[in-house]
C-alpha cells in the first residue's frame, strides 16, 4: 500500500512540475535577451541585473547579487531604433 501512495505522490509532483514549466515558458524573456525584443532600448534592468547595449559591442550585463529577487524587465534608456540584424 505504501508503494502505491509513493507512486501517486510522485505522479502528482511530475504533473505540478510540468504545469509550472509551462507557466514559466509564457513569461517574459530572460533579462539578457530583452535587447533582442526591444531593439531601441540601450539600457534595461530587472532590478538585479543591468544590461547595456552599445553600437560597438554586443550587450553586456552585470552579475546579480546572491539574494536579489528579480522583477519585470524595464527599459531605463530608450534610444533610436536599430535595424534588425
C-alpha atoms as a PDB file:
ATOM      1  CA  UNK A   1       0.000   0.000   0.000  1.00  0.00           C
ATOM      2  CA  UNK A   2       2.844   2.408   0.784  1.00  0.00           C
ATOM      3  CA  UNK A   3       4.280   1.723  -2.685  1.00  0.00           C
ATOM      4  CA  UNK A   4       1.036   2.838  -4.346  1.00  0.00           C
ATOM      5  CA  UNK A   5       0.975   6.058  -2.274  1.00  0.00           C
ATOM      6  CA  UNK A   6       4.561   6.792  -3.290  1.00  0.00           C
ATOM      7  CA  UNK A   7       3.777   6.255  -6.978  1.00  0.00           C
ATOM      8  CA  UNK A   8       0.701   8.519  -6.767  1.00  0.00           C
ATOM      9  CA  UNK A   9       2.665  11.208  -4.928  1.00  0.00           C
ATOM     10  CA  UNK A  10       5.481  11.150  -7.483  1.00  0.00           C
ATOM     11  CA  UNK A  11       2.974  11.248 -10.347  1.00  0.00           C
ATOM     12  CA  UNK A  12       1.375  14.322  -8.789  1.00  0.00           C
ATOM     13  CA  UNK A  13       4.752  16.051  -8.447  1.00  0.00           C
ATOM     14  CA  UNK A  14       5.565  15.402 -12.114  1.00  0.00           C
ATOM     15  CA  UNK A  15       2.203  16.903 -13.115  1.00  0.00           C
ATOM     16  CA  UNK A  16       2.781  20.018 -10.966  1.00  0.00           C
ATOM     17  CA  UNK A  17       6.308  20.453 -12.346  1.00  0.00           C
ATOM     18  CA  UNK A  18       5.031  20.178 -15.927  1.00  0.00           C
ATOM     19  CA  UNK A  19       2.391  22.865 -15.268  1.00  0.00           C
ATOM     20  CA  UNK A  20       4.999  25.119 -13.623  1.00  0.00           C
ATOM     21  CA  UNK A  21       7.360  24.713 -16.581  1.00  0.00           C
ATOM     22  CA  UNK A  22       4.531  25.599 -18.949  1.00  0.00           C
ATOM     23  CA  UNK A  23       3.682  28.730 -16.953  1.00  0.00           C
ATOM     24  CA  UNK A  24       7.315  29.834 -16.871  1.00  0.00           C
ATOM     25  CA  UNK A  25       7.642  29.379 -20.634  1.00  0.00           C
ATOM     26  CA  UNK A  26       4.963  32.042 -21.204  1.00  0.00           C
ATOM     27  CA  UNK A  27       6.725  34.654 -19.071  1.00  0.00           C
ATOM     28  CA  UNK A  28       8.996  37.433 -20.295  1.00  0.00           C
ATOM     29  CA  UNK A  29      12.286  36.592 -21.984  1.00  0.00           C
ATOM     30  CA  UNK A  30      15.411  36.475 -19.844  1.00  0.00           C
ATOM     31  CA  UNK A  31      16.766  39.885 -18.924  1.00  0.00           C
ATOM     32  CA  UNK A  32      19.860  39.218 -21.071  1.00  0.00           C
ATOM     33  CA  UNK A  33      17.662  38.725 -24.171  1.00  0.00           C
ATOM     34  CA  UNK A  34      15.491  41.818 -23.656  1.00  0.00           C
ATOM     35  CA  UNK A  35      17.620  43.810 -26.112  1.00  0.00           C
ATOM     36  CA  UNK A  36      16.509  41.441 -28.866  1.00  0.00           C
ATOM     37  CA  UNK A  37      12.860  42.120 -28.009  1.00  0.00           C
ATOM     38  CA  UNK A  38      13.118  45.929 -27.660  1.00  0.00           C
ATOM     39  CA  UNK A  39      15.796  46.874 -30.184  1.00  0.00           C
ATOM     40  CA  UNK A  40      15.555  50.596 -29.385  1.00  0.00           C
ATOM     41  CA  UNK A  41      16.461  50.140 -25.715  1.00  0.00           C
ATOM     42  CA  UNK A  42      20.084  50.908 -24.794  1.00  0.00           C
ATOM     43  CA  UNK A  43      19.901  50.023 -21.078  1.00  0.00           C
ATOM     44  CA  UNK A  44      17.473  47.707 -19.268  1.00  0.00           C
ATOM     45  CA  UNK A  45      17.137  46.038 -15.885  1.00  0.00           C
ATOM     46  CA  UNK A  46      15.074  43.610 -13.859  1.00  0.00           C
ATOM     47  CA  UNK A  47      16.153  45.190 -10.575  1.00  0.00           C
ATOM     48  CA  UNK A  48      19.002  42.695 -10.157  1.00  0.00           C
ATOM     49  CA  UNK A  49      20.848  42.682 -13.483  1.00  0.00           C
ATOM     50  CA  UNK A  50      21.630  45.772 -15.555  1.00  0.00           C
ATOM     51  CA  UNK A  51      22.334  45.322 -19.273  1.00  0.00           C
ATOM     52  CA  UNK A  52      23.816  47.908 -21.621  1.00  0.00           C
ATOM     53  CA  UNK A  53      23.929  47.831 -25.413  1.00  0.00           C
ATOM     54  CA  UNK A  54      26.368  49.896 -27.490  1.00  0.00           C
ATOM     55  CA  UNK A  55      26.912  50.106 -31.217  1.00  0.00           C
ATOM     56  CA  UNK A  56      30.473  48.782 -30.876  1.00  0.00           C
ATOM     57  CA  UNK A  57      29.844  45.556 -28.975  1.00  0.00           C
ATOM     58  CA  UNK A  58      27.144  43.031 -28.085  1.00  0.00           C
ATOM     59  CA  UNK A  59      25.075  43.785 -24.973  1.00  0.00           C
ATOM     60  CA  UNK A  60      26.811  43.255 -21.657  1.00  0.00           C
ATOM     61  CA  UNK A  61      25.083  42.525 -18.357  1.00  0.00           C
ATOM     62  CA  UNK A  62      26.097  42.757 -14.716  1.00  0.00           C
ATOM     63  CA  UNK A  63      26.081  39.831 -12.310  1.00  0.00           C
ATOM     64  CA  UNK A  64      23.115  39.742  -9.894  1.00  0.00           C
ATOM     65  CA  UNK A  65      23.535  39.772  -6.140  1.00  0.00           C
ATOM     66  CA  UNK A  66      23.072  36.415  -4.439  1.00  0.00           C
ATOM     67  CA  UNK A  67      19.801  37.314  -2.684  1.00  0.00           C
ATOM     68  CA  UNK A  68      18.301  39.563  -5.361  1.00  0.00           C
ATOM     69  CA  UNK A  69      14.660  38.953  -6.325  1.00  0.00           C
ATOM     70  CA  UNK A  70      14.211  39.995  -9.993  1.00  0.00           C
ATOM     71  CA  UNK A  71      11.161  41.981 -11.066  1.00  0.00           C
ATOM     72  CA  UNK A  72       9.789  42.641 -14.538  1.00  0.00           C
ATOM     73  CA  UNK A  73      12.285  43.898 -17.107  1.00  0.00           C
ATOM     74  CA  UNK A  74      12.080  47.619 -17.866  1.00  0.00           C
ATOM     75  CA  UNK A  75      13.919  49.832 -20.335  1.00  0.00           C
ATOM     76  CA  UNK A  76      15.822  52.564 -18.499  1.00  0.00           C
ATOM     77  CA  UNK A  77      17.343  54.266 -21.546  1.00  0.00           C
ATOM     78  CA  UNK A  78      15.335  54.171 -24.762  1.00  0.00           C
ATOM     79  CA  UNK A  79      17.246  55.236 -27.839  1.00  0.00           C
ATOM     80  CA  UNK A  80      16.897  55.450 -31.558  1.00  0.00           C
ATOM     81  CA  UNK A  81      15.529  52.268 -33.149  1.00  0.00           C
ATOM     82  CA  UNK A  82      18.170  49.973 -34.573  1.00  0.00           C
ATOM     83  CA  UNK A  83      17.547  47.942 -37.722  1.00  0.00           C
ATOM     84  CA  UNK A  84      17.241  44.149 -37.366  1.00  0.00           C
ATOM     85  CA  UNK A  85      20.455  42.193 -37.922  1.00  0.00           C
END
